[in-house]
Amino acid sequence: MTEPATSEKVSYIGAPACFALEMACKQVNDAFRVPSPGFSGLFIVGSALERPDWRDVDVRMMLDDATFQQMFPDVDISHGAALWEFDPRWTLMTTAIAHWMRQQTGLPIDFQFQPTTWANKNHAKQRHPAGLHFVSARKSESGD
């Protein structure tokens, strides 16, 4: 007898908390979406994707280096270290969004802005896009 096919979990965040997280991520994505290639969007990363005993939910706003530099002009991103963690603007925006997302979802959120080049170099594990918008079949058929 063959074993039934099993599917891997996308994350270990249970429903309905996962749905609340998606709704919160849509709001943050919409607030920072820019009509340039600089916006990559939000991703869930870290232990909540890997194991059931995760401590917090890591949410990362990925921005290309130029857009990150424009948002946080006092930060030198040419260093290998994440020196932006000492920038007052980065810290304020990061903690404010993390706090808001915790209130919206009830989850222990660790939110951060990261430049894409740095993130790609320093974090090779999986990323799960979050807060995406889907076009309904009815809207696409009607041309709206």
C-alpha atoms as a PDB file:
ATOM      1  CA  MET A   1       0.000   0.000   0.000  1.00  0.00           C
ATOM      2  CA  THR A   2       1.312   3.448  -0.875  1.00  0.00           C
ATOM      3  CA  GLU A   3       1.552   6.240   1.628  1.00  0.00           C
ATOM      4  CA  PRO A   4      -0.915   9.089   1.124  1.00  0.00           C
ATOM      5  CA  ALA A   5       0.644  12.252  -0.243  1.00  0.00           C
ATOM      6  CA  THR A   6       1.334  14.817   2.435  1.00  0.00           C
ATOM      7  CA  SER A   7       1.661  18.492   1.874  1.00  0.00           C
ATOM      8  CA  GLU A   8       4.172  20.606   3.698  1.00  0.00           C
ATOM      9  CA  LYS A   9       2.863  23.396   5.854  1.00  0.00           C
ATOM     10  CA  VAL A  10       3.402  26.892   4.556  1.00  0.00           C
ATOM     11  CA  SER A  11       3.689  28.023   8.158  1.00  0.00           C
ATOM     12  CA  TYR A  12       2.954  26.874  11.673  1.00  0.00           C
ATOM     13  CA  ILE A  13       0.797  29.914  12.405  1.00  0.00           C
ATOM     14  CA  GLY A  14      -2.675  28.555  12.945  1.00  0.00           C
ATOM     15  CA  ALA A  15      -5.906  29.857  11.499  1.00  0.00           C
ATOM     16  CA  PRO A  16      -7.578  32.292  12.197  1.00  0.00           C
ATOM     17  CA  ALA A  17      -4.423  34.100  13.391  1.00  0.00           C
ATOM     18  CA  CYS A  18      -2.892  33.466   9.973  1.00  0.00           C
ATOM     19  CA  PHE A  19      -5.867  35.174   8.307  1.00  0.00           C
ATOM     20  CA  ALA A  20      -5.587  38.159  10.661  1.00  0.00           C
ATOM     21  CA  LEU A  21      -1.883  38.365   9.811  1.00  0.00           C
ATOM     22  CA  GLU A  22      -2.660  38.383   6.085  1.00  0.00           C
ATOM     23  CA  MET A  23      -5.153  41.234   6.552  1.00  0.00           C
ATOM     24  CA  ALA A  24      -2.634  43.259   8.582  1.00  0.00           C
ATOM     25  CA  CYS A  25       0.077  42.601   5.994  1.00  0.00           C
ATOM     26  CA  LYS A  26      -2.224  43.861   3.219  1.00  0.00           C
ATOM     27  CA  GLN A  27      -2.610  47.148   5.090  1.00  0.00           C
ATOM     28  CA  VAL A  28       1.151  47.555   5.525  1.00  0.00           C
ATOM     29  CA  ASN A  29       1.850  46.556   1.912  1.00  0.00           C
ATOM     30  CA  ASP A  30      -0.694  49.094   0.682  1.00  0.00           C
ATOM     31  CA  ALA A  31       0.770  51.833   2.880  1.00  0.00           C
ATOM     32  CA  PHE A  32       4.276  51.372   1.481  1.00  0.00           C
ATOM     33  CA  ARG A  33       3.558  50.259  -2.078  1.00  0.00           C
ATOM     34  CA  VAL A  34       5.333  52.496  -4.553  1.00  0.00           C
ATOM     35  CA  PRO A  35       4.922  52.399  -8.334  1.00  0.00           C
ATOM     36  CA  SER A  36       8.591  51.581  -8.802  1.00  0.00           C
ATOM     37  CA  PRO A  37      10.592  48.387  -8.902  1.00  0.00           C
ATOM     38  CA  GLY A  38      11.912  49.309  -5.445  1.00  0.00           C
ATOM     39  CA  PHE A  39       9.019  47.767  -3.573  1.00  0.00           C
ATOM     40  CA  SER A  40       9.345  44.046  -2.975  1.00  0.00           C
ATOM     41  CA  GLY A  41       6.742  43.656  -0.262  1.00  0.00           C
ATOM     42  CA  LEU A  42       6.239  41.758   2.955  1.00  0.00           C
ATOM     43  CA  PHE A  43       7.524  38.296   3.708  1.00  0.00           C
ATOM     44  CA  ILE A  44       7.102  35.925   6.617  1.00  0.00           C
ATOM     45  CA  VAL A  45      10.487  34.415   7.493  1.00  0.00           C
ATOM     46  CA  GLY A  46      12.040  32.514  10.358  1.00  0.00           C
ATOM     47  CA  SER A  47      10.900  29.898  12.812  1.00  0.00           C
ATOM     48  CA  ALA A  48       7.130  30.225  12.230  1.00  0.00           C
ATOM     49  CA  LEU A  49       7.763  28.725   8.771  1.00  0.00           C
ATOM     50  CA  GLU A  50      10.008  25.978  10.087  1.00  0.00           C
ATOM     51  CA  ARG A  51       8.631  24.483  13.291  1.00  0.00           C
ATOM     52  CA  PRO A  52       5.575  24.361  15.551  1.00  0.00           C
ATOM     53  CA  ASP A  53       7.414  25.772  18.595  1.00  0.00           C
ATOM     54  CA  TRP A  54       8.141  29.199  17.067  1.00  0.00           C
ATOM     55  CA  ARG A  55       8.712  32.097  19.473  1.00  0.00           C
ATOM     56  CA  ASP A  56       7.574  35.016  17.309  1.00  0.00           C
ATOM     57  CA  VAL A  57       6.477  35.754  13.759  1.00  0.00           C
ATOM     58  CA  ASP A  58       9.195  37.443  11.735  1.00  0.00           C
ATOM     59  CA  VAL A  59       7.729  39.829   9.147  1.00  0.00           C
ATOM     60  CA  ARG A  60      10.126  41.609   6.796  1.00  0.00           C
ATOM     61  CA  MET A  61       9.449  44.521   4.445  1.00  0.00           C
ATOM     62  CA  MET A  62      11.912  44.017   1.608  1.00  0.00           C
ATOM     63  CA  LEU A  63      12.982  47.154  -0.256  1.00  0.00           C
ATOM     64  CA  ASP A  64      15.607  47.505  -2.960  1.00  0.00           C
ATOM     65  CA  ASP A  65      18.748  49.222  -1.719  1.00  0.00           C
ATOM     66  CA  ALA A  66      17.954  52.593  -3.318  1.00  0.00           C
ATOM     67  CA  THR A  67      14.445  52.725  -1.875  1.00  0.00           C
ATOM     68  CA  PHE A  68      15.709  51.610   1.541  1.00  0.00           C
ATOM     69  CA  GLN A  69      18.358  54.356   1.393  1.00  0.00           C
ATOM     70  CA  GLN A  70      15.718  56.918   0.404  1.00  0.00           C
ATOM     71  CA  MET A  71      13.509  55.937   3.359  1.00  0.00           C
ATOM     72  CA  PHE A  72      16.428  55.872   5.800  1.00  0.00           C
ATOM     73  CA  PRO A  73      18.901  58.447   4.426  1.00  0.00           C
ATOM     74  CA  ASP A  74      21.125  58.540   7.524  1.00  0.00           C
ATOM     75  CA  VAL A  75      22.010  54.847   7.249  1.00  0.00           C
ATOM     76  CA  ASP A  76      25.085  53.547   5.437  1.00  0.00           C
ATOM     77  CA  ILE A  77      24.013  50.186   4.009  1.00  0.00           C
ATOM     78  CA  SER A  78      27.407  49.447   2.459  1.00  0.00           C
ATOM     79  CA  HIS A  79      28.560  47.786   5.699  1.00  0.00           C
ATOM     80  CA  GLY A  80      27.917  44.103   6.211  1.00  0.00           C
ATOM     81  CA  ALA A  81      26.273  44.718   9.585  1.00  0.00           C
ATOM     82  CA  ALA A  82      22.669  45.776  10.050  1.00  0.00           C
ATOM     83  CA  LEU A  83      23.634  49.227  11.325  1.00  0.00           C
ATOM     84  CA  TRP A  84      20.192  50.630  10.492  1.00  0.00           C
ATOM     85  CA  GLU A  85      18.973  49.082  13.768  1.00  0.00           C
ATOM     86  CA  PHE A  86      20.517  52.139  15.468  1.00  0.00           C
ATOM     87  CA  ASP A  87      18.798  54.675  13.189  1.00  0.00           C
ATOM     88  CA  PRO A  88      16.004  56.562  15.037  1.00  0.00           C
ATOM     89  CA  ARG A  89      13.664  56.647  12.006  1.00  0.00           C
ATOM     90  CA  TRP A  90      14.127  52.929  11.291  1.00  0.00           C
ATOM     91  CA  THR A  91      13.644  52.029  14.960  1.00  0.00           C
ATOM     92  CA  LEU A  92      10.524  54.171  15.362  1.00  0.00           C
ATOM     93  CA  MET A  93       8.866  52.919  12.169  1.00  0.00           C
ATOM     94  CA  THR A  94       9.808  49.308  12.876  1.00  0.00           C
ATOM     95  CA  THR A  95       8.550  49.254  16.442  1.00  0.00           C
ATOM     96  CA  ALA A  96       5.377  51.204  15.622  1.00  0.00           C
ATOM     97  CA  ILE A  97       4.426  48.803  12.834  1.00  0.00           C
ATOM     98  CA  ALA A  98       5.327  45.753  14.943  1.00  0.00           C
ATOM     99  CA  HIS A  99       3.146  47.065  17.776  1.00  0.00           C
ATOM    100  CA  TRP A 100       0.221  47.794  15.428  1.00  0.00           C
ATOM    101  CA  MET A 101       0.507  44.342  13.818  1.00  0.00           C
ATOM    102  CA  ARG A 102       0.526  42.704  17.276  1.00  0.00           C
ATOM    103  CA  GLN A 103      -2.678  44.558  18.156  1.00  0.00           C
ATOM    104  CA  GLN A 104      -4.330  43.532  14.879  1.00  0.00           C
ATOM    105  CA  THR A 105      -3.347  39.870  15.007  1.00  0.00           C
ATOM    106  CA  GLY A 106      -2.717  38.917  18.633  1.00  0.00           C
ATOM    107  CA  LEU A 107       0.587  37.412  17.428  1.00  0.00           C
ATOM    108  CA  PRO A 108       4.073  38.233  18.734  1.00  0.00           C
ATOM    109  CA  ILE A 109       5.261  40.095  15.626  1.00  0.00           C
ATOM    110  CA  ASP A 110       8.903  40.957  14.921  1.00  0.00           C
ATOM    111  CA  PHE A 111       8.634  43.439  12.041  1.00  0.00           C
ATOM    112  CA  GLN A 112      11.644  44.925  10.235  1.00  0.00           C
ATOM    113  CA  PHE A 113      12.505  46.868   7.089  1.00  0.00           C
ATOM    114  CA  GLN A 114      15.458  45.311   5.246  1.00  0.00           C
ATOM    115  CA  PRO A 115      17.392  46.178   2.081  1.00  0.00           C
ATOM    116  CA  THR A 116      17.069  43.300  -0.375  1.00  0.00           C
ATOM    117  CA  THR A 117      20.772  42.904  -1.190  1.00  0.00           C
ATOM    118  CA  TRP A 118      21.649  42.557   2.496  1.00  0.00           C
ATOM    119  CA  ALA A 119      18.766  40.168   3.184  1.00  0.00           C
ATOM    120  CA  ASN A 120      19.654  37.963   0.212  1.00  0.00           C
ATOM    121  CA  LYS A 121      23.278  37.794   1.349  1.00  0.00           C
ATOM    122  CA  ASN A 122      22.577  37.139   5.036  1.00  0.00           C
ATOM    123  CA  HIS A 123      19.372  35.098   5.043  1.00  0.00           C
ATOM    124  CA  ALA A 124      19.183  32.192   2.628  1.00  0.00           C
ATOM    125  CA  LYS A 125      16.188  30.439   4.217  1.00  0.00           C
ATOM    126  CA  GLN A 126      12.673  30.401   2.824  1.00  0.00           C
ATOM    127  CA  ARG A 127      10.431  33.462   2.588  1.00  0.00           C
ATOM    128  CA  HIS A 128       6.679  33.380   2.288  1.00  0.00           C
ATOM    129  CA  PRO A 129       5.037  36.411   0.631  1.00  0.00           C
ATOM    130  CA  ALA A 130       2.336  37.984   2.782  1.00  0.00           C
ATOM    131  CA  GLY A 131      -0.444  40.492   2.270  1.00  0.00           C
ATOM    132  CA  LEU A 132      -0.966  39.796  -1.411  1.00  0.00           C
ATOM    133  CA  HIS A 133      -4.046  40.927  -3.296  1.00  0.00           C
ATOM    134  CA  PHE A 134      -5.858  38.522  -5.559  1.00  0.00           C
ATOM    135  CA  VAL A 135      -8.212  39.474  -8.350  1.00  0.00           C
ATOM    136  CA  SER A 136     -11.534  37.693  -8.054  1.00  0.00           C
ATOM    137  CA  ALA A 137     -12.790  35.649 -10.979  1.00  0.00           C
ATOM    138  CA  ARG A 138     -15.887  37.853 -11.156  1.00  0.00           C
ATOM    139  CA  LYS A 139     -13.842  41.046 -11.435  1.00  0.00           C
ATOM    140  CA  SER A 140     -11.485  39.647 -14.065  1.00  0.00           C
ATOM    141  CA  GLU A 141     -14.412  38.367 -16.164  1.00  0.00           C
ATOM    142  CA  SER A 142     -16.301  41.664 -15.993  1.00  0.00           C
ATOM    143  CA  GLY A 143     -13.232  43.756 -16.836  1.00  0.00           C
ATOM    144  CA  ASP A 144     -13.404  45.766 -13.580  1.00  0.00           C
END
